[in-house]
């Protein structure tokens, strides 16, 4: 199940999550937290759902299905965040993969500081893993992240705030050095599980700006966890999947490329 917003242009949010669940062999269900008005270039507006509306979407699903995996995306208000946390506890849902969506690829802010504080206090302690990108990690920690060491430090700060595991998504922001001290472009993610740090590296695919990579990665992790993999393997497989989608992303629209491949990209 994904609990997230809708991007009508299909690049991010619930539509990206559903494609990913199917690609990993899972049956998708969804609850909508916000209707966004956007395309590949920018967000034009949002219409947030109430906590009651989110709850009424989820209850019929959990009464009919056994939810094997759960991820959250855009949770726009503190009321919605508290309701999702309440449902995770009372319905004994799987610990969610929490993608703390705070701004769109275009830079438009999607939630306010009060909601961010609620996300940290209410949902992070319930999460299987929290998956911020670098701008989100900087907002959560107040740190400036310019290196792998900074990423690891930020992961530790977020984990000490209550999350049992944190994946900092480096993407194309960092340029890293290999053991021969040669500069090379890599997409680097750092996973901190209760203080144990694992670094994931993939080739940086330079196709320009892409849209929905964070949604797709977190959905892939949730799907792999649902299929019984451990967290490290889930991250590794989801990261490879995203890298392959970026490599084959089509130039649709006039802005950031969506991640899509008709055969699933695997």
Protein backbone atom coordinates (compact mmCIF):
# COMPACT_ATOMS: atom_id res chain seq x y z
CA UNK A 1 0.00 0.00 0.00
CA UNK A 2 1.05 3.54 -0.73
CA UNK A 3 -0.28 6.51 1.21
CA UNK A 4 0.71 9.53 -0.84
CA UNK A 5 -0.30 12.36 -3.13
CA UNK A 6 -1.36 12.27 -6.77
CA UNK A 7 0.73 13.79 -9.53
CA UNK A 8 -1.68 13.97 -12.49
CA UNK A 9 1.22 14.06 -14.95
CA UNK A 10 2.21 10.58 -13.74
CA UNK A 11 5.84 11.20 -12.85
CA UNK A 12 5.70 11.00 -9.07
CA UNK A 13 3.41 10.14 -6.16
CA UNK A 14 0.86 7.34 -6.21
CA UNK A 15 1.09 6.66 -9.94
CA UNK A 16 4.86 6.15 -9.72
CA UNK A 17 4.40 3.95 -6.64
CA UNK A 18 1.81 1.76 -8.36
CA UNK A 19 4.04 1.22 -11.40
CA UNK A 20 6.87 0.22 -9.08
CA UNK A 21 4.81 -2.19 -7.00
CA UNK A 22 3.68 -3.97 -10.16
CA UNK A 23 7.25 -4.11 -11.53
CA UNK A 24 8.34 -5.91 -8.35
CA UNK A 25 5.45 -8.38 -8.52
CA UNK A 26 3.23 -6.83 -5.85
CA UNK A 27 -0.49 -6.00 -6.01
CA UNK A 28 -0.88 -2.23 -5.45
CA UNK A 29 -3.37 -0.43 -3.23
CA UNK A 30 -3.40 3.29 -2.43
CA UNK A 31 -4.82 6.04 -0.29
CA UNK A 32 -4.68 9.62 -1.57
CA UNK A 33 -3.45 12.35 0.78
CA UNK A 34 -3.37 15.27 -1.64
CA UNK A 35 -4.41 16.16 -5.16
CA UNK A 36 -1.62 18.17 -6.73
CA UNK A 37 -1.90 20.30 -9.84
CA UNK A 38 1.40 19.81 -11.63
CA UNK A 39 3.24 18.67 -14.72
CA UNK A 40 6.89 18.02 -15.52
CA UNK A 41 7.79 21.70 -15.10
CA UNK A 42 6.23 22.78 -11.78
CA UNK A 43 3.52 22.49 -9.13
CA UNK A 44 0.63 24.89 -9.74
CA UNK A 45 -1.37 24.09 -6.59
CA UNK A 46 -2.61 21.42 -4.20
CA UNK A 47 -5.88 20.30 -2.63
CA UNK A 48 -5.13 18.37 0.55
CA UNK A 49 -7.36 15.62 1.87
CA UNK A 50 -8.59 15.62 5.46
CA UNK A 51 -7.40 13.11 8.03
CA UNK A 52 -10.91 11.60 8.06
CA UNK A 53 -10.89 11.14 4.29
CA UNK A 54 -7.51 9.41 4.42
CA UNK A 55 -8.75 7.12 7.20
CA UNK A 56 -11.90 6.20 5.28
CA UNK A 57 -9.81 5.23 2.27
CA UNK A 58 -7.54 2.94 4.27
CA UNK A 59 -10.02 1.09 6.49
CA UNK A 60 -11.82 -0.79 3.69
CA UNK A 61 -8.47 -1.93 2.27
CA UNK A 62 -7.10 -3.27 5.54
CA UNK A 63 -10.39 -5.01 6.33
CA UNK A 64 -10.20 -6.90 3.02
CA UNK A 65 -6.48 -7.48 2.37
CA UNK A 66 -3.41 -8.45 4.32
CA UNK A 67 -1.08 -5.53 3.69
CA UNK A 68 2.39 -6.98 3.15
CA UNK A 69 4.25 -3.71 2.64
CA UNK A 70 3.59 -0.04 3.25
CA UNK A 71 5.14 3.24 2.16
CA UNK A 72 4.20 6.83 2.74
CA UNK A 73 4.91 9.76 0.48
CA UNK A 74 3.43 13.25 0.65
CA UNK A 75 1.68 13.67 4.01
CA UNK A 76 0.74 17.34 3.78
CA UNK A 77 -0.59 18.23 7.25
CA UNK A 78 0.03 17.32 10.87
CA UNK A 79 -3.55 15.98 11.08
CA UNK A 80 -2.97 13.55 8.22
CA UNK A 81 0.40 12.49 9.66
CA UNK A 82 -1.15 11.76 13.07
CA UNK A 83 -3.97 9.78 11.46
CA UNK A 84 -1.56 7.67 9.43
CA UNK A 85 0.52 6.96 12.54
CA UNK A 86 -2.65 6.05 14.44
CA UNK A 87 -3.71 3.64 11.68
CA UNK A 88 -0.29 1.97 11.56
CA UNK A 89 -0.53 1.30 15.29
CA UNK A 90 -4.17 0.29 15.62
CA UNK A 91 -4.37 -1.80 12.43
CA UNK A 92 -0.95 -3.38 13.07
CA UNK A 93 0.26 -2.42 9.62
CA UNK A 94 3.83 -3.22 8.56
CA UNK A 95 6.40 -0.64 9.64
CA UNK A 96 6.29 1.82 6.74
CA UNK A 97 9.00 3.02 4.42
CA UNK A 98 8.65 6.75 5.10
CA UNK A 99 9.65 9.00 2.21
CA UNK A 100 9.51 12.45 3.87
CA UNK A 101 8.34 14.35 0.80
CA UNK A 102 8.80 18.06 1.52
CA UNK A 103 9.25 19.69 -1.85
CA UNK A 104 8.69 18.90 -5.51
CA UNK A 105 11.51 18.45 -8.01
CA UNK A 106 10.74 22.00 -9.17
CA UNK A 107 11.55 23.29 -5.66
CA UNK A 108 7.97 24.04 -4.63
CA UNK A 109 7.41 23.41 -0.89
CA UNK A 110 4.73 20.83 -0.13
CA UNK A 111 4.50 20.82 3.69
CA UNK A 112 5.10 23.37 6.45
CA UNK A 113 7.47 23.24 9.42
CA UNK A 114 4.73 22.18 11.84
CA UNK A 115 3.96 19.14 9.71
CA UNK A 116 7.68 18.29 9.48
CA UNK A 117 7.95 18.31 13.29
CA UNK A 118 4.92 16.02 13.53
CA UNK A 119 6.41 13.68 10.93
CA UNK A 120 9.56 13.32 13.02
CA UNK A 121 7.78 12.81 16.34
CA UNK A 122 4.80 10.68 15.23
CA UNK A 123 5.83 8.63 12.19
CA UNK A 124 9.62 8.27 12.22
CA UNK A 125 9.59 6.03 15.33
CA UNK A 126 7.16 3.65 13.55
CA UNK A 127 9.12 3.49 10.29
CA UNK A 128 11.13 0.56 8.98
CA UNK A 129 13.32 3.12 7.23
CA UNK A 130 13.17 6.87 6.51
CA UNK A 131 14.41 7.91 3.05
CA UNK A 132 15.19 11.65 2.79
CA UNK A 133 17.14 13.12 -0.10
CA UNK A 134 19.88 15.64 0.70
CA UNK A 135 17.67 18.80 0.77
CA UNK A 136 15.17 16.96 2.98
CA UNK A 137 17.95 15.70 5.26
CA UNK A 138 19.31 19.23 5.56
CA UNK A 139 15.87 20.52 6.53
CA UNK A 140 15.42 17.72 9.07
CA UNK A 141 18.82 18.18 10.70
CA UNK A 142 19.93 21.75 10.06
CA UNK A 143 23.21 20.40 8.68
CA UNK A 144 24.86 21.40 5.41
CA UNK A 145 25.60 18.21 3.45
CA UNK A 146 28.52 18.33 1.02
CA UNK A 147 30.19 14.94 1.46
CA UNK A 148 29.61 11.30 2.27
CA UNK A 149 30.71 12.03 5.82
CA UNK A 150 28.07 14.73 6.06
CA UNK A 151 25.47 12.26 4.76
CA UNK A 152 26.43 9.71 7.41
CA UNK A 153 26.30 12.39 10.12
CA UNK A 154 22.84 13.49 9.00
CA UNK A 155 21.62 9.89 8.99
CA UNK A 156 22.82 9.55 12.58
CA UNK A 157 21.02 12.72 13.67
CA UNK A 158 17.74 11.54 12.12
CA UNK A 159 18.14 8.08 13.62
CA UNK A 160 18.76 9.53 17.08
CA UNK A 161 15.54 11.55 16.64
CA UNK A 162 13.64 8.27 16.67
CA UNK A 163 14.05 6.44 13.34
CA UNK A 164 15.48 2.94 13.55
CA UNK A 165 17.00 3.15 10.05
CA UNK A 166 17.73 6.05 7.70
CA UNK A 167 18.66 6.08 4.01
CA UNK A 168 20.14 9.38 2.82
CA UNK A 169 19.73 9.61 -0.95
CA UNK A 170 22.72 11.37 -2.52
CA UNK A 171 21.71 11.09 -6.15
CA UNK A 172 23.65 13.43 -8.40
CA UNK A 173 24.41 15.96 -5.65
CA UNK A 174 27.76 14.52 -4.60
CA UNK A 175 30.89 13.79 -6.61
CA UNK A 176 32.91 11.11 -4.83
CA UNK A 177 36.42 9.63 -5.01
CA UNK A 178 37.30 5.99 -5.50
CA UNK A 179 40.27 4.25 -3.86
CA UNK A 180 42.62 5.52 -6.56
CA UNK A 181 41.61 9.10 -5.75
CA UNK A 182 40.18 9.67 -9.21
CA UNK A 183 37.12 11.87 -9.45
CA UNK A 184 34.17 9.91 -10.79
CA UNK A 185 30.45 10.57 -10.93
CA UNK A 186 28.43 8.23 -8.74
CA UNK A 187 24.96 8.17 -7.27
CA UNK A 188 25.72 7.48 -3.60
CA UNK A 189 23.17 6.54 -0.93
CA UNK A 190 24.05 5.91 2.73
CA UNK A 191 22.04 3.56 4.93
CA UNK A 192 22.30 3.72 8.72
CA UNK A 193 20.65 0.81 10.55
CA UNK A 194 20.98 1.29 14.29
CA UNK A 195 24.47 2.72 13.79
CA UNK A 196 25.63 0.22 11.15
CA UNK A 197 26.42 2.19 7.97
CA UNK A 198 26.29 0.74 4.46
CA UNK A 199 27.17 2.74 1.33
CA UNK A 200 25.42 2.01 -1.97
CA UNK A 201 26.99 3.19 -5.21
CA UNK A 202 25.62 3.15 -8.73
CA UNK A 203 26.69 4.82 -11.93
CA UNK A 204 25.45 8.38 -12.25
CA UNK A 205 23.26 8.50 -15.37
CA UNK A 206 23.30 12.05 -16.70
CA UNK A 207 20.03 12.60 -18.58
CA UNK A 208 19.24 15.94 -16.95
CA UNK A 209 16.56 16.48 -14.32
CA UNK A 210 14.37 13.47 -13.51
CA UNK A 211 11.05 13.33 -11.70
CA UNK A 212 9.83 10.75 -9.20
CA UNK A 213 13.09 8.96 -8.39
CA UNK A 214 12.53 9.25 -4.62
CA UNK A 215 8.97 7.94 -4.85
CA UNK A 216 10.11 5.06 -7.05
CA UNK A 217 13.02 4.15 -4.78
CA UNK A 218 10.93 4.10 -1.59
CA UNK A 219 8.16 2.11 -3.32
CA UNK A 220 10.74 -0.39 -4.56
CA UNK A 221 12.14 -0.80 -1.05
CA UNK A 222 8.63 -1.35 0.33
CA UNK A 223 7.87 -3.93 -2.36
CA UNK A 224 11.09 -5.84 -1.70
CA UNK A 225 10.43 -5.83 2.06
CA UNK A 226 6.92 -7.13 1.34
CA UNK A 227 8.49 -10.01 -0.59
CA UNK A 228 10.59 -10.99 2.42
CA UNK A 229 13.97 -9.42 1.65
CA UNK A 230 16.01 -7.74 4.35
CA UNK A 231 16.49 -3.99 4.32
CA UNK A 232 19.97 -3.95 2.78
CA UNK A 233 18.93 -6.18 -0.12
CA UNK A 234 15.73 -4.19 -0.57
CA UNK A 235 17.68 -0.94 -0.86
CA UNK A 236 20.21 -2.47 -3.26
CA UNK A 237 17.56 -3.90 -5.58
CA UNK A 238 15.42 -0.77 -5.53
CA UNK A 239 18.45 1.42 -6.26
CA UNK A 240 19.47 -0.70 -9.25
CA UNK A 241 15.89 -0.53 -10.52
CA UNK A 242 15.84 3.27 -10.28
CA UNK A 243 19.24 3.54 -11.98
CA UNK A 244 18.00 1.44 -14.90
CA UNK A 245 14.85 3.53 -15.21
CA UNK A 246 16.88 6.74 -15.26
CA UNK A 247 19.11 5.25 -17.97
CA UNK A 248 16.03 4.59 -20.11
CA UNK A 249 13.87 7.56 -19.09
CA UNK A 250 11.94 9.03 -22.05
CA UNK A 251 12.03 12.78 -22.85
CA UNK A 252 8.33 13.33 -22.20
CA UNK A 253 6.99 16.80 -21.45
CA UNK A 254 8.96 20.04 -21.24
CA UNK A 255 10.54 19.59 -17.80
CA UNK A 256 12.01 16.82 -15.65
CA UNK A 257 11.92 13.36 -17.20
CA UNK A 258 9.55 10.81 -15.65
CA UNK A 259 10.91 7.36 -14.82
CA UNK A 260 9.15 4.95 -17.13
CA UNK A 261 9.93 1.98 -19.31
CA UNK A 262 7.17 -0.02 -20.96
CA UNK A 263 8.69 -3.41 -20.07
CA UNK A 264 9.14 -2.50 -16.39
CA UNK A 265 12.79 -1.50 -16.66
CA UNK A 266 14.17 -4.60 -14.95
